[in-house]
């Protein structure tokens, strides 16, 4: 009988320690995930804020993954690699010298982010003002922008340019 009690007590003690370690591992995993998300969000926000603040698309160089892609809303690849990626966006800085790019909201999970944004500015050639909102799905890899897929009303943008 004493042996059975000892075995039950030993089993109970091992179970308690086992649960504590599992909770600790889960807690550590959650903390690491939150840190990854925080770092990704900080890098991503810095990339876009600095490129518009400095009026220089090349600021993105340090934030872009070597295999970065830019997709349109249908999932079709618009650009592959850092140079094509930057070329896709450069006109928003050069063609709109007073452009403002505001990240309205940024949230995510691990390596995946969602950005709600606002772009406004005056077109240098026509003098027409634009003000559009959109959202971008973002994938990060190794702390760098790996993929972006934009969703926005391009017709509204071009209509504002033509009015």
Protein backbone atom coordinates (compact mmCIF):
# COMPACT_ATOMS: atom_id res chain seq x y z
CA UNK A 1 0.00 0.00 0.00
CA UNK A 2 2.84 2.39 0.87
CA UNK A 3 4.38 1.71 -2.53
CA UNK A 4 1.16 2.63 -4.32
CA UNK A 5 0.89 5.86 -2.31
CA UNK A 6 4.50 6.71 -3.11
CA UNK A 7 3.92 6.03 -6.81
CA UNK A 8 0.78 8.18 -6.82
CA UNK A 9 2.60 10.98 -5.03
CA UNK A 10 5.53 10.72 -7.45
CA UNK A 11 3.15 10.76 -10.43
CA UNK A 12 1.38 13.83 -9.02
CA UNK A 13 4.64 15.69 -8.45
CA UNK A 14 5.92 14.85 -11.94
CA UNK A 15 2.60 15.97 -13.46
CA UNK A 16 2.78 19.30 -11.68
CA UNK A 17 6.35 19.94 -12.82
CA UNK A 18 5.51 18.81 -16.34
CA UNK A 19 2.58 21.27 -16.57
CA UNK A 20 4.69 24.08 -15.20
CA UNK A 21 7.36 23.48 -17.86
CA UNK A 22 4.75 23.34 -20.63
CA UNK A 23 3.23 26.61 -19.48
CA UNK A 24 6.68 28.13 -19.31
CA UNK A 25 7.48 26.96 -22.86
CA UNK A 26 4.17 28.34 -24.13
CA UNK A 27 4.83 31.61 -22.32
CA UNK A 28 8.31 31.84 -23.83
CA UNK A 29 6.93 31.09 -27.29
CA UNK A 30 4.29 33.80 -26.88
CA UNK A 31 6.89 36.33 -25.72
CA UNK A 32 9.13 35.49 -28.69
CA UNK A 33 6.20 35.83 -31.08
CA UNK A 34 5.29 39.23 -29.61
CA UNK A 35 8.91 40.39 -29.88
CA UNK A 36 9.07 39.24 -33.52
CA UNK A 37 5.86 41.09 -34.32
CA UNK A 38 7.06 44.22 -32.54
CA UNK A 39 10.39 44.17 -34.41
CA UNK A 40 8.66 43.56 -37.76
CA UNK A 41 6.21 46.40 -37.16
CA UNK A 42 8.97 48.78 -36.14
CA UNK A 43 11.10 47.92 -39.19
CA UNK A 44 8.15 48.17 -41.53
CA UNK A 45 6.91 51.49 -40.18
CA UNK A 46 10.44 52.93 -40.28
CA UNK A 47 10.91 51.86 -43.89
CA UNK A 48 7.92 53.78 -45.22
CA UNK A 49 8.02 56.75 -42.87
CA UNK A 50 11.70 57.38 -43.55
CA UNK A 51 11.43 57.02 -47.33
CA UNK A 52 8.66 59.64 -47.49
CA UNK A 53 10.22 61.86 -44.82
CA UNK A 54 13.58 61.91 -46.62
CA UNK A 55 11.86 61.96 -50.05
CA UNK A 56 14.15 59.10 -51.12
CA UNK A 57 12.87 55.69 -52.20
CA UNK A 58 16.41 54.29 -51.80
CA UNK A 59 15.93 54.45 -48.03
CA UNK A 60 14.04 51.18 -48.55
CA UNK A 61 17.28 49.38 -49.51
CA UNK A 62 18.06 48.34 -45.96
CA UNK A 63 14.47 47.18 -45.34
CA UNK A 64 13.85 45.05 -48.44
CA UNK A 65 14.48 41.33 -48.64
CA UNK A 66 16.56 40.35 -51.68
CA UNK A 67 13.58 38.39 -53.08
CA UNK A 68 10.92 41.01 -52.34
CA UNK A 69 7.79 41.02 -54.51
CA UNK A 70 4.96 43.47 -55.01
CA UNK A 71 1.57 42.05 -55.99
CA UNK A 72 -1.52 43.80 -57.25
CA UNK A 73 -4.91 43.09 -55.68
CA UNK A 74 -5.44 40.11 -58.00
CA UNK A 75 -2.20 38.49 -56.84
CA UNK A 76 -0.37 39.27 -60.09
CA UNK A 77 3.30 40.11 -59.56
CA UNK A 78 4.02 43.77 -60.39
CA UNK A 79 7.64 43.72 -59.29
CA UNK A 80 10.32 41.23 -58.28
CA UNK A 81 13.49 42.24 -56.48
CA UNK A 82 14.42 45.45 -54.69
CA UNK A 83 14.96 47.64 -57.78
CA UNK A 84 11.64 46.78 -59.42
CA UNK A 85 9.90 47.10 -56.07
CA UNK A 86 11.30 50.59 -55.51
CA UNK A 87 10.46 51.60 -59.10
CA UNK A 88 6.84 50.60 -58.47
CA UNK A 89 6.61 53.12 -55.63
CA UNK A 90 9.11 55.85 -56.62
CA UNK A 91 6.57 57.94 -58.53
CA UNK A 92 4.56 58.58 -55.38
CA UNK A 93 7.55 60.48 -54.04
CA UNK A 94 8.94 62.08 -57.21
CA UNK A 95 5.65 62.91 -58.98
CA UNK A 96 4.03 64.27 -55.81
CA UNK A 97 6.67 66.51 -54.21
CA UNK A 98 4.39 67.42 -51.28
CA UNK A 99 3.12 63.87 -50.78
CA UNK A 100 2.21 62.63 -47.36
CA UNK A 101 2.03 58.95 -46.53
CA UNK A 102 0.35 58.12 -43.26
CA UNK A 103 0.14 54.68 -41.73
CA UNK A 104 -3.30 54.94 -40.16
CA UNK A 105 -3.07 51.54 -38.49
CA UNK A 106 -0.63 48.65 -38.48
CA UNK A 107 -1.22 45.27 -36.90
CA UNK A 108 -0.33 41.66 -37.48
CA UNK A 109 0.79 38.29 -36.32
CA UNK A 110 4.43 37.19 -36.46
CA UNK A 111 5.71 37.76 -40.00
CA UNK A 112 2.38 38.92 -41.42
CA UNK A 113 1.23 42.52 -41.16
CA UNK A 114 -1.72 44.56 -42.34
CA UNK A 115 -1.27 48.26 -43.01
CA UNK A 116 -4.15 50.73 -43.39
CA UNK A 117 -2.75 53.82 -45.10
CA UNK A 118 -3.56 57.24 -46.51
CA UNK A 119 -1.71 58.89 -49.39
CA UNK A 120 -2.24 62.50 -50.38
CA UNK A 121 -0.35 65.04 -52.39
CA UNK A 122 -0.31 67.39 -55.34
CA UNK A 123 0.75 66.05 -58.73
CA UNK A 124 3.77 68.07 -59.87
CA UNK A 125 2.81 68.24 -63.55
CA UNK A 126 -0.96 68.80 -63.36
CA UNK A 127 -1.31 70.52 -60.00
CA UNK A 128 -4.18 68.11 -59.18
CA UNK A 129 -4.60 66.96 -55.60
CA UNK A 130 -5.17 63.34 -54.61
CA UNK A 131 -6.29 61.80 -51.34
CA UNK A 132 -6.74 58.01 -51.21
CA UNK A 133 -6.89 55.29 -48.61
CA UNK A 134 -5.90 51.68 -48.97
CA UNK A 135 -4.66 48.58 -47.23
CA UNK A 136 -1.59 46.45 -47.77
CA UNK A 137 -1.01 42.83 -46.82
CA UNK A 138 2.64 42.42 -45.87
CA UNK A 139 4.87 39.40 -45.40
CA UNK A 140 8.16 39.90 -43.59
CA UNK A 141 11.14 37.56 -43.70
CA UNK A 142 14.23 37.87 -41.54
CA UNK A 143 12.99 41.29 -40.39
CA UNK A 144 12.72 42.63 -43.95
CA UNK A 145 9.85 43.31 -46.35
CA UNK A 146 9.38 40.12 -48.35
CA UNK A 147 6.04 40.76 -50.05
CA UNK A 148 3.40 43.46 -50.33
CA UNK A 149 -0.05 43.22 -51.85
CA UNK A 150 -1.97 46.49 -52.14
CA UNK A 151 -5.72 46.99 -52.07
CA UNK A 152 -6.93 50.46 -52.97
CA UNK A 153 -9.31 52.31 -55.26
CA UNK A 154 -7.03 53.14 -58.19
CA UNK A 155 -10.01 54.50 -60.16
CA UNK A 156 -10.60 57.12 -57.46
CA UNK A 157 -6.91 58.06 -57.60
CA UNK A 158 -6.91 58.50 -61.39
CA UNK A 159 -10.27 60.27 -61.32
CA UNK A 160 -8.85 62.83 -58.89
CA UNK A 161 -5.91 63.33 -61.25
CA UNK A 162 -8.24 63.92 -64.20
CA UNK A 163 -10.74 66.32 -62.58
